[in-house]
């Protein structure tokens, strides 16, 4: 009861702040943004409650995965660092794609099996950087067992990348979509004995989302909350569509999307929770606990018959209706291929 009451008070305070900050905007924009904002707060509250009641499900036994290769975007901080730690404890070789490879040196020096880390430069705001990263990986590692699309950003002002994409869409979704295409041949090779896996680290924050097919970069009207929800929704939809396509072609690769929980990381630095740091410390998961669901998607064998699954706290999660519509999934896939310059029929080949 205390948790629920505190969450309700927090949502009320955040709503008041929202209305005050945005009072200068046209009414129709305020209403649409307010609806998405409130839905996002509700999704977050639901996520907090699920983290609390599902704590006993949020567990993973790490296997010995010696001689296997994992690629992860990000990983130098937050949840990603703890995922890397778990992969190393499983004796995997870990390839990290980070903006600054020098930032990985402390992990190499302090983590168990840190000498198994390889870091290459990756900027998900640039398709050229994504391609360069993939080429660097494939030169040394022609077979890959796990791809973890982990790096992400949340909220902030409107910004277009060098390729003309809205920044949250680019970093959270399109950069990873393109990377998955480039690394799929290596994943297919790596899955010959045990199926390889693509794990998209998404969010319960997808729940208010929809895909704005007519203006996916939100140039007409930008709502940072809706943009984040759209990017996270896209990760779930593509995991489902791509997994179905891979299964139809009998390729040994499974795709999953994972909500790691409401985790106390710097991802929230541009959210209203930055004004209430005590709430994060009191109610949010630690990065170590947030990494558990991601590692579960990487290693658990019970989910191999459930490709395309959206998970939270090491079990099936609740995703919105839009994400389950197969026509929407196909439309998004084709649009995404067009945006990154890939022939949809030859995706991953």
Protein backbone atom coordinates (compact mmCIF):
# COMPACT_ATOMS: atom_id res chain seq x y z
CA UNK A 1 0.00 0.00 0.00
CA UNK A 2 2.84 2.38 0.84
CA UNK A 3 4.42 1.75 -2.58
CA UNK A 4 1.15 2.35 -4.45
CA UNK A 5 0.40 5.53 -2.46
CA UNK A 6 3.91 6.89 -3.06
CA UNK A 7 3.65 6.16 -6.79
CA UNK A 8 0.28 7.94 -6.96
CA UNK A 9 1.70 11.01 -5.19
CA UNK A 10 4.67 11.03 -7.55
CA UNK A 11 2.45 10.84 -10.64
CA UNK A 12 0.29 13.71 -9.34
CA UNK A 13 3.33 15.89 -8.69
CA UNK A 14 4.84 15.05 -12.09
CA UNK A 15 1.54 15.88 -13.80
CA UNK A 16 1.38 19.29 -12.13
CA UNK A 17 4.93 20.04 -13.23
CA UNK A 18 4.10 18.93 -16.77
CA UNK A 19 1.11 21.25 -17.09
CA UNK A 20 3.07 24.21 -15.76
CA UNK A 21 6.10 23.67 -18.02
CA UNK A 22 3.97 23.22 -21.18
CA UNK A 23 1.34 25.90 -20.58
CA UNK A 24 2.53 27.96 -23.59
CA UNK A 25 1.71 25.29 -26.22
CA UNK A 26 -1.46 25.06 -28.35
CA UNK A 27 -4.26 23.28 -26.53
CA UNK A 28 -4.46 20.36 -29.01
CA UNK A 29 -0.78 19.64 -28.49
CA UNK A 30 -1.05 19.94 -24.73
CA UNK A 31 -3.94 17.47 -24.71
CA UNK A 32 -2.19 14.90 -26.91
CA UNK A 33 1.05 15.22 -24.98
CA UNK A 34 -0.77 15.09 -21.64
CA UNK A 35 -2.55 11.89 -22.63
CA UNK A 36 0.74 10.25 -23.62
CA UNK A 37 2.46 11.63 -20.53
CA UNK A 38 -0.20 10.26 -18.18
CA UNK A 39 -0.21 6.91 -19.97
CA UNK A 40 3.56 6.79 -19.57
CA UNK A 41 3.28 7.50 -15.86
CA UNK A 42 0.71 4.74 -15.57
CA UNK A 43 2.97 2.33 -17.45
CA UNK A 44 5.82 3.24 -15.15
CA UNK A 45 3.68 2.73 -12.06
CA UNK A 46 2.60 -0.65 -13.39
CA UNK A 47 6.24 -1.51 -14.02
CA UNK A 48 7.19 -0.59 -10.46
CA UNK A 49 4.40 -2.72 -9.04
CA UNK A 50 5.36 -5.65 -11.26
CA UNK A 51 8.98 -5.35 -10.11
CA UNK A 52 7.79 -5.47 -6.52
CA UNK A 53 5.41 -8.44 -6.78
CA UNK A 54 7.62 -10.43 -9.22
CA UNK A 55 10.85 -10.23 -7.28
CA UNK A 56 10.97 -14.02 -6.81
CA UNK A 57 10.73 -14.64 -10.56
CA UNK A 58 13.59 -12.29 -11.34
CA UNK A 59 16.38 -14.87 -11.11
CA UNK A 60 18.89 -16.48 -13.44
CA UNK A 61 21.41 -19.28 -13.15
CA UNK A 62 24.36 -18.43 -15.35
CA UNK A 63 25.62 -21.32 -17.50
CA UNK A 64 29.14 -22.07 -18.66
CA UNK A 65 29.12 -20.58 -22.16
CA UNK A 66 32.82 -20.95 -22.89
CA UNK A 67 33.80 -20.40 -26.54
CA UNK A 68 30.61 -18.45 -27.22
CA UNK A 69 30.52 -14.85 -28.45
CA UNK A 70 28.20 -12.03 -27.35
CA UNK A 71 27.89 -8.58 -28.89
CA UNK A 72 26.34 -5.80 -26.81
CA UNK A 73 25.73 -2.14 -27.62
CA UNK A 74 26.63 0.12 -24.75
CA UNK A 75 27.69 -1.62 -21.60
CA UNK A 76 30.13 0.87 -20.15
CA UNK A 77 27.56 1.95 -17.56
CA UNK A 78 24.17 1.18 -16.06
CA UNK A 79 22.35 -2.06 -16.81
CA UNK A 80 24.73 -2.82 -19.66
CA UNK A 81 27.71 -3.02 -17.34
CA UNK A 82 25.96 -5.63 -15.21
CA UNK A 83 24.93 -7.59 -18.30
CA UNK A 84 28.57 -7.60 -19.40
CA UNK A 85 29.56 -8.82 -15.93
CA UNK A 86 27.11 -11.71 -16.20
CA UNK A 87 28.29 -12.64 -19.70
CA UNK A 88 31.89 -12.71 -18.49
CA UNK A 89 30.93 -14.84 -15.48
CA UNK A 90 29.52 -17.28 -18.03
CA UNK A 91 32.96 -17.36 -19.67
CA UNK A 92 31.77 -15.70 -22.86
CA UNK A 93 33.85 -13.44 -25.08
CA UNK A 94 32.12 -10.03 -25.04
CA UNK A 95 32.27 -7.47 -27.83
CA UNK A 96 31.14 -4.02 -26.75
CA UNK A 97 30.02 -1.24 -29.07
CA UNK A 98 30.54 2.08 -27.26
CA UNK A 99 31.05 5.71 -28.17
CA UNK A 100 34.41 5.81 -26.39
CA UNK A 101 36.28 2.48 -26.30
CA UNK A 102 38.70 3.91 -23.69
CA UNK A 103 35.77 4.02 -21.22
CA UNK A 104 35.83 0.22 -21.16
CA UNK A 105 39.36 -0.04 -19.74
CA UNK A 106 38.23 -0.03 -16.07
CA UNK A 107 35.93 -2.98 -16.82
CA UNK A 108 38.74 -4.90 -18.47
CA UNK A 109 40.98 -4.27 -15.47
CA UNK A 110 38.50 -4.96 -12.68
CA UNK A 111 36.00 -7.57 -13.90
CA UNK A 112 36.52 -11.30 -13.69
CA UNK A 113 37.50 -12.50 -17.20
CA UNK A 114 37.87 -8.86 -18.20
CA UNK A 115 40.52 -9.87 -20.71
CA UNK A 116 37.68 -11.38 -22.77
CA UNK A 117 36.27 -7.92 -23.52
CA UNK A 118 36.79 -6.37 -26.95
CA UNK A 119 35.61 -2.78 -27.41
CA UNK A 120 34.96 -1.04 -30.72
CA UNK A 121 33.66 2.43 -31.43
CA UNK A 122 29.92 2.67 -32.13
CA UNK A 123 27.69 5.70 -32.50
CA UNK A 124 24.09 4.59 -33.04
CA UNK A 125 23.19 8.05 -34.35
CA UNK A 126 25.23 7.26 -37.48
CA UNK A 127 24.47 4.44 -39.91
CA UNK A 128 28.04 4.72 -41.18
CA UNK A 129 29.33 4.14 -37.65
CA UNK A 130 27.03 1.14 -37.28
CA UNK A 131 28.37 -0.36 -40.49
CA UNK A 132 31.99 0.31 -39.48
CA UNK A 133 31.37 -1.35 -36.12
CA UNK A 134 29.80 -4.41 -37.75
CA UNK A 135 32.72 -4.70 -40.18
CA UNK A 136 35.21 -4.51 -37.29
CA UNK A 137 33.34 -7.24 -35.43
CA UNK A 138 33.03 -9.56 -38.42
CA UNK A 139 36.72 -9.30 -39.30
CA UNK A 140 37.58 -11.13 -36.07
CA UNK A 141 34.33 -12.87 -35.14
CA UNK A 142 32.60 -14.43 -38.16
CA UNK A 143 30.29 -16.41 -35.86
CA UNK A 144 28.22 -14.79 -33.08
CA UNK A 145 25.94 -16.43 -30.51
CA UNK A 146 24.13 -13.46 -28.94
CA UNK A 147 23.41 -9.89 -30.03
CA UNK A 148 22.13 -7.63 -27.23
CA UNK A 149 20.70 -4.34 -28.51
CA UNK A 150 21.05 -2.55 -25.20
CA UNK A 151 22.16 1.08 -25.65
CA UNK A 152 19.45 3.70 -25.42
CA UNK A 153 18.44 7.26 -24.64
CA UNK A 154 15.24 8.70 -23.17
CA UNK A 155 13.53 12.06 -23.67
CA UNK A 156 15.38 15.29 -24.44
CA UNK A 157 14.84 17.98 -27.06
CA UNK A 158 14.14 17.38 -30.73
CA UNK A 159 17.23 16.47 -32.70
CA UNK A 160 17.85 14.96 -36.12
CA UNK A 161 20.86 12.72 -36.70
CA UNK A 162 23.25 13.04 -39.64
CA UNK A 163 21.00 10.57 -41.49
CA UNK A 164 17.90 12.69 -40.83
CA UNK A 165 16.32 10.53 -38.13
CA UNK A 166 14.79 11.68 -34.84
CA UNK A 167 17.47 10.88 -32.26
CA UNK A 168 15.50 8.54 -29.98
CA UNK A 169 14.25 6.58 -32.98
CA UNK A 170 17.81 6.37 -34.33
CA UNK A 171 19.57 5.31 -31.13
CA UNK A 172 16.92 3.07 -29.61
CA UNK A 173 15.65 1.45 -32.77
CA UNK A 174 16.95 2.18 -36.27
CA UNK A 175 20.66 1.85 -35.41
CA UNK A 176 19.96 -1.50 -33.78
CA UNK A 177 17.72 -2.58 -36.65
CA UNK A 178 20.54 -1.93 -39.12
CA UNK A 179 23.10 -3.62 -36.85
CA UNK A 180 20.89 -6.70 -36.60
CA UNK A 181 20.75 -6.87 -40.39
CA UNK A 182 24.54 -6.63 -40.67
CA UNK A 183 25.27 -9.25 -38.00
CA UNK A 184 22.53 -11.76 -38.87
CA UNK A 185 24.81 -13.79 -41.19
CA UNK A 186 27.22 -14.30 -38.26
CA UNK A 187 24.33 -15.14 -35.94
CA UNK A 188 23.03 -17.76 -38.37
CA UNK A 189 26.49 -19.37 -38.37
CA UNK A 190 26.71 -19.19 -34.57
CA UNK A 191 23.34 -20.89 -34.13
CA UNK A 192 24.22 -24.18 -35.77
CA UNK A 193 24.40 -26.12 -32.46
CA UNK A 194 22.28 -23.98 -30.13
CA UNK A 195 20.05 -21.25 -31.60
CA UNK A 196 21.64 -17.83 -31.61
CA UNK A 197 19.66 -14.99 -30.02
CA UNK A 198 18.87 -11.34 -30.66
CA UNK A 199 17.80 -9.57 -27.47
CA UNK A 200 16.27 -6.10 -27.72
CA UNK A 201 16.35 -4.22 -24.40
CA UNK A 202 13.08 -2.32 -24.54
CA UNK A 203 10.75 -0.82 -21.90
CA UNK A 204 7.29 -0.94 -20.40
CA UNK A 205 7.36 2.67 -21.59
CA UNK A 206 6.36 1.34 -25.02
CA UNK A 207 2.80 0.97 -23.76
CA UNK A 208 1.46 4.44 -24.71
CA UNK A 209 3.21 4.13 -28.06
CA UNK A 210 2.07 3.87 -31.64
CA UNK A 211 4.02 4.02 -34.89
CA UNK A 212 3.54 7.30 -36.73
CA UNK A 213 3.92 5.81 -40.20
CA UNK A 214 3.19 9.11 -41.97
CA UNK A 215 5.71 11.12 -39.93
CA UNK A 216 7.93 8.67 -38.08
CA UNK A 217 10.51 11.38 -37.33
CA UNK A 218 7.81 13.61 -35.81
CA UNK A 219 8.76 16.69 -37.84
CA UNK A 220 5.21 18.05 -37.80
CA UNK A 221 4.89 17.98 -34.02
CA UNK A 222 7.44 16.57 -31.59
CA UNK A 223 6.48 14.99 -28.29
CA UNK A 224 9.55 13.58 -26.56
CA UNK A 225 7.50 11.09 -24.52
CA UNK A 226 5.68 9.79 -27.59
CA UNK A 227 8.98 9.56 -29.47
CA UNK A 228 10.49 7.39 -26.74
CA UNK A 229 7.39 5.18 -26.60
CA UNK A 230 7.46 4.79 -30.40
CA UNK A 231 11.12 3.75 -30.42
CA UNK A 232 10.61 1.14 -27.71
CA UNK A 233 7.42 -0.16 -29.30
CA UNK A 234 9.31 -0.59 -32.57
CA UNK A 235 11.85 -2.85 -30.85
CA UNK A 236 9.11 -5.21 -29.66
CA UNK A 237 7.33 -5.28 -33.01
CA UNK A 238 10.49 -6.02 -34.98
CA UNK A 239 11.54 -8.79 -32.59
CA UNK A 240 8.19 -10.47 -33.23
CA UNK A 241 8.20 -9.96 -36.99
CA UNK A 242 11.83 -10.94 -37.52
CA UNK A 243 11.54 -14.03 -35.32
CA UNK A 244 8.53 -15.20 -37.32
CA UNK A 245 10.39 -14.63 -40.57
CA UNK A 246 13.49 -16.46 -39.36
CA UNK A 247 11.40 -19.43 -38.21
CA UNK A 248 9.61 -19.62 -41.55
CA UNK A 249 13.02 -19.92 -43.24
CA UNK A 250 14.33 -22.40 -40.65
CA UNK A 251 17.18 -20.13 -39.57
CA UNK A 252 18.63 -20.97 -36.11
CA UNK A 253 18.14 -17.51 -34.58
CA UNK A 254 15.56 -16.48 -31.97
CA UNK A 255 14.52 -12.89 -31.23
CA UNK A 256 13.28 -11.51 -27.92
CA UNK A 257 12.50 -8.15 -26.36
CA UNK A 258 13.01 -7.48 -22.66
CA UNK A 259 11.86 -4.83 -20.23
CA UNK A 260 14.56 -4.90 -17.52
CA UNK A 261 12.39 -3.18 -14.94
CA UNK A 262 12.36 0.38 -13.60
CA UNK A 263 16.06 0.74 -12.92
CA UNK A 264 18.02 3.49 -11.20
CA UNK A 265 20.35 4.62 -14.00
CA UNK A 266 21.24 7.91 -15.64
CA UNK A 267 18.67 7.12 -18.35
CA UNK A 268 16.28 9.14 -16.17
CA UNK A 269 18.45 12.27 -16.12
CA UNK A 270 16.05 14.11 -18.47
CA UNK A 271 12.89 12.87 -16.80
CA UNK A 272 10.92 14.36 -13.91
CA UNK A 273 12.42 11.70 -11.64
CA UNK A 274 15.70 13.61 -11.75
CA UNK A 275 13.93 16.09 -9.47
CA UNK A 276 13.10 13.30 -6.99
CA UNK A 277 16.31 11.24 -6.65
CA UNK A 278 15.13 9.71 -3.36
CA UNK A 279 12.28 8.00 -5.21
CA UNK A 280 14.73 6.24 -7.52
CA UNK A 281 16.88 5.08 -4.64
CA UNK A 282 13.88 3.88 -2.68
CA UNK A 283 11.74 2.19 -5.33
CA UNK A 284 13.77 1.49 -8.47
CA UNK A 285 15.77 -1.64 -9.17
CA UNK A 286 19.54 -1.57 -8.99
CA UNK A 287 21.35 -2.06 -12.34
CA UNK A 288 22.45 -5.50 -11.11
CA UNK A 289 18.82 -6.60 -10.64
CA UNK A 290 17.82 -4.96 -13.91
CA UNK A 291 20.39 -7.04 -15.79
CA UNK A 292 18.87 -10.32 -14.63
CA UNK A 293 15.96 -10.30 -17.10
CA UNK A 294 18.31 -9.48 -19.96
CA UNK A 295 20.62 -12.36 -19.03
CA UNK A 296 17.57 -14.62 -18.73
CA UNK A 297 16.68 -13.85 -22.34
CA UNK A 298 20.26 -14.65 -23.33
CA UNK A 299 20.52 -18.02 -21.59
CA UNK A 300 17.23 -19.59 -20.52
CA UNK A 301 16.37 -22.66 -22.61
CA UNK A 302 12.67 -22.79 -21.72
CA UNK A 303 12.02 -19.77 -23.96
CA UNK A 304 13.54 -21.32 -27.09
CA UNK A 305 10.04 -22.43 -28.12
CA UNK A 306 8.72 -18.91 -27.50
CA UNK A 307 10.63 -16.84 -30.05
CA UNK A 308 9.37 -13.26 -30.34
CA UNK A 309 8.43 -13.19 -26.66
CA UNK A 310 8.29 -9.89 -24.78
CA UNK A 311 9.54 -10.40 -21.22
CA UNK A 312 9.69 -8.63 -17.88
CA UNK A 313 11.06 -10.06 -14.64
CA UNK A 314 11.99 -13.36 -16.35
CA UNK A 315 8.45 -14.11 -17.54
CA UNK A 316 6.10 -13.05 -20.28
CA UNK A 317 5.27 -9.36 -20.04
CA UNK A 318 2.19 -7.33 -20.97
CA UNK A 319 2.61 -5.46 -24.26
CA UNK A 320 0.16 -3.13 -25.96
CA UNK A 321 -2.31 -4.18 -28.64
CA UNK A 322 -0.59 -2.24 -31.42
CA UNK A 323 2.59 -4.30 -30.99
CA UNK A 324 0.71 -7.55 -31.66
CA UNK A 325 -0.81 -6.50 -34.98
CA UNK A 326 1.07 -8.46 -37.68
CA UNK A 327 0.14 -6.01 -40.44
CA UNK A 328 1.59 -3.16 -38.40
CA UNK A 329 4.71 -5.24 -37.77
CA UNK A 330 5.20 -5.87 -41.48
CA UNK A 331 4.60 -2.21 -42.35
CA UNK A 332 7.16 -1.14 -39.77
CA UNK A 333 9.69 -3.68 -41.04
CA UNK A 334 9.36 -2.48 -44.63
CA UNK A 335 9.54 1.18 -43.62
CA UNK A 336 12.60 0.52 -41.45
CA UNK A 337 14.35 -1.26 -44.32
CA UNK A 338 13.60 1.69 -46.58
CA UNK A 339 14.94 4.19 -44.04
CA UNK A 340 18.27 2.39 -43.53
CA UNK A 341 18.67 1.49 -47.19
CA UNK A 342 18.22 -2.28 -47.01
CA UNK A 343 16.28 -4.49 -49.44
CA UNK A 344 13.53 -6.01 -47.28
CA UNK A 345 13.71 -9.33 -49.13
CA UNK A 346 17.44 -9.60 -48.43
CA UNK A 347 17.39 -8.47 -44.81
CA UNK A 348 20.07 -10.35 -42.88
CA UNK A 349 21.62 -11.93 -45.96
